[in-house]
N, C-alpha and C. Protein backbone atom coordinates (compact mmCIF):
# COMPACT_ATOMS: atom_id res chain seq x y z
N MET A 1 98.17 102.43 91.82
CA MET A 1 97.48 101.62 92.80
C MET A 1 98.35 101.51 94.05
N THR A 2 97.75 101.79 95.21
CA THR A 2 98.50 101.70 96.45
C THR A 2 98.09 100.46 97.23
N MET A 3 99.04 99.97 98.01
CA MET A 3 98.78 98.79 98.83
C MET A 3 98.09 99.22 100.11
N PRO A 4 97.30 98.35 100.71
CA PRO A 4 96.70 98.69 102.00
C PRO A 4 97.79 98.96 103.03
N ALA A 5 97.55 99.86 103.93
CA ALA A 5 98.55 100.27 104.93
C ALA A 5 99.15 99.10 105.71
N PRO A 6 98.33 98.16 106.26
CA PRO A 6 98.95 97.09 107.04
C PRO A 6 99.94 96.26 106.23
N GLN A 7 99.64 95.97 104.98
CA GLN A 7 100.54 95.19 104.14
C GLN A 7 101.84 95.95 103.90
N THR A 8 101.73 97.24 103.60
CA THR A 8 102.90 98.08 103.37
C THR A 8 103.74 98.15 104.64
N GLU A 9 103.08 98.36 105.77
CA GLU A 9 103.78 98.45 107.05
C GLU A 9 104.48 97.13 107.37
N GLN A 10 103.81 96.02 107.14
CA GLN A 10 104.38 94.70 107.42
C GLN A 10 105.61 94.46 106.52
N GLY A 11 105.51 94.81 105.25
CA GLY A 11 106.64 94.64 104.34
C GLY A 11 107.84 95.49 104.74
N GLU A 12 107.57 96.71 105.13
CA GLU A 12 108.65 97.62 105.56
C GLU A 12 109.28 97.12 106.85
N LEU A 13 108.45 96.61 107.74
CA LEU A 13 108.93 96.07 109.01
C LEU A 13 109.83 94.86 108.77
N ARG A 14 109.42 93.98 107.88
CA ARG A 14 110.24 92.80 107.56
C ARG A 14 111.58 93.23 106.97
N LYS A 15 111.55 94.23 106.11
CA LYS A 15 112.79 94.74 105.51
C LYS A 15 113.72 95.30 106.60
N GLN A 16 113.16 96.06 107.53
CA GLN A 16 113.96 96.63 108.62
C GLN A 16 114.56 95.54 109.49
N ILE A 17 113.79 94.50 109.78
CA ILE A 17 114.28 93.40 110.61
C ILE A 17 115.40 92.66 109.91
N LYS A 18 115.27 92.44 108.61
CA LYS A 18 116.34 91.77 107.85
C LYS A 18 117.62 92.60 107.88
N GLU A 19 117.50 93.92 107.72
CA GLU A 19 118.67 94.79 107.77
C GLU A 19 119.30 94.77 109.16
N LEU A 20 118.44 94.75 110.19
CA LEU A 20 118.91 94.68 111.57
C LEU A 20 119.65 93.37 111.83
N LEU A 21 119.12 92.28 111.31
CA LEU A 21 119.77 90.96 111.43
C LEU A 21 121.19 91.01 110.88
N VAL A 22 121.32 91.51 109.67
CA VAL A 22 122.62 91.52 109.00
C VAL A 22 123.61 92.45 109.69
N THR A 23 123.16 93.65 110.06
CA THR A 23 124.09 94.61 110.66
C THR A 23 124.41 94.28 112.11
N THR A 24 123.39 93.96 112.91
CA THR A 24 123.60 93.68 114.33
C THR A 24 124.47 92.44 114.53
N LEU A 25 124.20 91.41 113.74
CA LEU A 25 124.91 90.14 113.92
C LEU A 25 126.13 90.02 113.00
N ARG A 26 126.42 91.08 112.27
CA ARG A 26 127.59 91.13 111.38
C ARG A 26 127.66 89.87 110.51
N LEU A 27 126.58 89.62 109.79
CA LEU A 27 126.51 88.43 108.93
C LEU A 27 127.23 88.70 107.62
N GLU A 28 128.48 88.31 107.55
CA GLU A 28 129.29 88.53 106.36
C GLU A 28 128.79 87.66 105.21
N GLY A 29 128.71 88.26 104.05
CA GLY A 29 128.30 87.53 102.86
C GLY A 29 126.80 87.30 102.76
N VAL A 30 126.02 87.92 103.65
CA VAL A 30 124.56 87.78 103.59
C VAL A 30 123.97 89.16 103.36
N ARG A 31 123.14 89.27 102.33
CA ARG A 31 122.44 90.52 102.07
C ARG A 31 121.02 90.39 102.61
N PRO A 32 120.46 91.48 103.16
CA PRO A 32 119.11 91.41 103.74
C PRO A 32 118.08 90.80 102.80
N GLU A 33 118.16 91.14 101.53
CA GLU A 33 117.16 90.65 100.57
C GLU A 33 117.28 89.15 100.29
N GLU A 34 118.37 88.53 100.74
CA GLU A 34 118.55 87.09 100.56
C GLU A 34 117.85 86.28 101.66
N ILE A 35 117.43 86.95 102.72
CA ILE A 35 116.76 86.27 103.82
C ILE A 35 115.27 86.23 103.53
N GLY A 36 114.72 85.02 103.45
CA GLY A 36 113.30 84.87 103.18
C GLY A 36 112.45 85.19 104.40
N ASP A 37 111.26 85.71 104.18
CA ASP A 37 110.38 86.06 105.30
C ASP A 37 110.08 84.87 106.19
N GLY A 38 109.97 83.69 105.61
CA GLY A 38 109.63 82.50 106.38
C GLY A 38 110.80 81.59 106.71
N ASP A 39 112.02 81.99 106.33
CA ASP A 39 113.20 81.17 106.63
C ASP A 39 113.37 81.01 108.14
N ALA A 40 113.65 79.78 108.58
CA ALA A 40 113.91 79.54 110.00
C ALA A 40 115.22 80.23 110.38
N LEU A 41 115.17 81.05 111.42
CA LEU A 41 116.35 81.82 111.80
C LEU A 41 117.34 81.01 112.63
N PHE A 42 116.84 80.12 113.49
CA PHE A 42 117.71 79.42 114.42
C PHE A 42 117.72 77.91 114.22
N SER A 43 117.39 77.47 113.04
CA SER A 43 117.40 76.05 112.71
C SER A 43 118.84 75.60 112.47
N PRO A 44 119.17 74.35 112.82
CA PRO A 44 120.53 73.86 112.55
C PRO A 44 120.87 73.89 111.06
N ASP A 45 119.86 73.77 110.19
CA ASP A 45 120.15 73.81 108.75
C ASP A 45 120.07 75.23 108.17
N SER A 46 119.81 76.22 108.99
CA SER A 46 119.75 77.60 108.49
C SER A 46 121.14 78.04 108.05
N ARG A 47 121.22 78.66 106.90
CA ARG A 47 122.52 79.12 106.41
C ARG A 47 123.05 80.32 107.20
N LEU A 48 122.19 80.91 108.05
CA LEU A 48 122.61 82.07 108.84
C LEU A 48 123.51 81.66 110.00
N GLY A 49 123.35 80.43 110.48
CA GLY A 49 124.20 79.93 111.56
C GLY A 49 124.05 80.69 112.87
N LEU A 50 122.83 81.06 113.22
CA LEU A 50 122.60 81.85 114.43
C LEU A 50 122.53 80.94 115.66
N ASP A 51 123.01 81.47 116.80
CA ASP A 51 123.00 80.72 118.05
C ASP A 51 122.29 81.52 119.13
N SER A 52 122.34 81.04 120.37
CA SER A 52 121.63 81.71 121.45
C SER A 52 122.18 83.10 121.75
N LEU A 53 123.46 83.30 121.57
CA LEU A 53 124.04 84.62 121.77
C LEU A 53 123.50 85.59 120.71
N ALA A 54 123.38 85.10 119.49
CA ALA A 54 122.81 85.92 118.42
C ALA A 54 121.37 86.29 118.75
N ALA A 55 120.63 85.36 119.34
CA ALA A 55 119.23 85.63 119.72
C ALA A 55 119.17 86.77 120.73
N LEU A 56 120.06 86.75 121.71
CA LEU A 56 120.08 87.82 122.72
C LEU A 56 120.46 89.16 122.11
N GLU A 57 121.45 89.15 121.22
CA GLU A 57 121.85 90.39 120.55
C GLU A 57 120.70 90.94 119.72
N LEU A 58 120.04 90.05 118.98
CA LEU A 58 118.93 90.47 118.13
C LEU A 58 117.76 90.97 118.97
N LEU A 59 117.45 90.28 120.05
CA LEU A 59 116.37 90.70 120.94
C LEU A 59 116.64 92.13 121.45
N SER A 60 117.84 92.38 121.91
CA SER A 60 118.20 93.71 122.41
C SER A 60 118.09 94.77 121.31
N ALA A 61 118.57 94.44 120.12
CA ALA A 61 118.52 95.38 119.01
C ALA A 61 117.08 95.70 118.60
N ILE A 62 116.23 94.69 118.61
CA ILE A 62 114.82 94.91 118.24
C ILE A 62 114.12 95.76 119.30
N GLU A 63 114.36 95.44 120.57
CA GLU A 63 113.74 96.24 121.64
C GLU A 63 114.18 97.70 121.54
N TYR A 64 115.46 97.92 121.31
CA TYR A 64 115.98 99.28 121.23
C TYR A 64 115.46 100.01 119.99
N THR A 65 115.54 99.36 118.85
CA THR A 65 115.16 99.99 117.58
C THR A 65 113.67 100.32 117.52
N PHE A 66 112.84 99.38 117.95
CA PHE A 66 111.39 99.55 117.81
C PHE A 66 110.71 100.01 119.09
N LYS A 67 111.49 100.23 120.14
CA LYS A 67 110.96 100.73 121.43
C LYS A 67 109.84 99.84 121.96
N ILE A 68 110.11 98.54 121.97
CA ILE A 68 109.16 97.56 122.50
C ILE A 68 109.88 96.67 123.50
N ARG A 69 109.14 95.82 124.21
CA ARG A 69 109.73 94.86 125.14
C ARG A 69 109.15 93.49 124.84
N PHE A 70 110.01 92.49 124.88
CA PHE A 70 109.54 91.12 124.78
C PHE A 70 109.10 90.69 126.17
N PRO A 71 108.07 89.84 126.26
CA PRO A 71 107.61 89.38 127.56
C PRO A 71 108.67 88.51 128.25
N ASN A 72 108.68 88.50 129.56
CA ASN A 72 109.64 87.70 130.33
C ASN A 72 109.07 86.34 130.70
N ASP A 73 108.09 85.87 129.95
CA ASP A 73 107.42 84.62 130.29
C ASP A 73 107.92 83.42 129.48
N GLY A 74 109.02 83.61 128.75
CA GLY A 74 109.57 82.52 127.96
C GLY A 74 108.97 82.39 126.57
N SER A 75 108.01 83.23 126.24
CA SER A 75 107.34 83.13 124.93
C SER A 75 108.14 83.79 123.80
N ALA A 76 109.17 84.54 124.14
CA ALA A 76 109.93 85.26 123.10
C ALA A 76 110.50 84.30 122.06
N LYS A 77 110.86 83.10 122.47
CA LYS A 77 111.44 82.11 121.55
C LYS A 77 110.56 81.89 120.33
N HIS A 78 109.26 81.87 120.54
CA HIS A 78 108.32 81.63 119.43
C HIS A 78 108.30 82.78 118.43
N HIS A 79 108.62 83.98 118.89
CA HIS A 79 108.62 85.14 118.00
C HIS A 79 109.87 85.16 117.11
N PHE A 80 110.88 84.37 117.46
CA PHE A 80 112.14 84.35 116.73
C PHE A 80 112.25 83.22 115.71
N GLU A 81 111.12 82.64 115.33
CA GLU A 81 111.15 81.55 114.36
C GLU A 81 111.57 82.04 112.98
N SER A 82 111.11 83.22 112.59
CA SER A 82 111.40 83.75 111.25
C SER A 82 111.26 85.26 111.27
N VAL A 83 111.63 85.88 110.17
CA VAL A 83 111.44 87.33 110.04
C VAL A 83 109.95 87.65 110.11
N ALA A 84 109.13 86.81 109.51
CA ALA A 84 107.68 87.05 109.51
C ALA A 84 107.11 87.02 110.93
N THR A 85 107.54 86.07 111.77
CA THR A 85 107.01 86.00 113.13
C THR A 85 107.52 87.17 113.98
N LEU A 86 108.76 87.58 113.73
CA LEU A 86 109.29 88.75 114.44
C LEU A 86 108.52 90.01 114.06
N ALA A 87 108.29 90.18 112.78
CA ALA A 87 107.55 91.37 112.31
C ALA A 87 106.14 91.40 112.87
N ALA A 88 105.49 90.25 112.92
CA ALA A 88 104.13 90.18 113.47
C ALA A 88 104.14 90.59 114.95
N PHE A 89 105.14 90.10 115.70
CA PHE A 89 105.22 90.48 117.12
C PHE A 89 105.48 91.97 117.28
N VAL A 90 106.45 92.50 116.54
CA VAL A 90 106.78 93.92 116.64
C VAL A 90 105.54 94.76 116.31
N GLN A 91 104.84 94.40 115.26
CA GLN A 91 103.66 95.15 114.86
C GLN A 91 102.59 95.11 115.97
N SER A 92 102.37 93.93 116.56
CA SER A 92 101.35 93.83 117.62
C SER A 92 101.80 94.57 118.88
N ALA A 93 103.10 94.56 119.19
CA ALA A 93 103.60 95.22 120.39
C ALA A 93 103.54 96.75 120.25
N ARG A 94 103.57 97.24 119.02
CA ARG A 94 103.51 98.69 118.79
C ARG A 94 102.08 99.21 118.76
N SER A 95 101.12 98.32 118.64
CA SER A 95 99.71 98.74 118.52
C SER A 95 99.13 99.10 119.86
């Protein structure tokens, strides 16, 4: 039994974003599979401890890796809430 393409693509995209998070931000002691799809990335209680500099690094890495651009209207912040919201944005920007 195969999964529908959008679900498979979304799962693969989330996996890639988690790997990008760990490698780009050099998150020591964090494995990509330990990051939940809905975990808040920039919350003060997030165990990832990401800050605004990390957001800029991640934004650049995502734009480069997926060949997309985030809008310059201030809405990018909303796409960085979780891996799931980032994946949804990347998927819509590639369509």
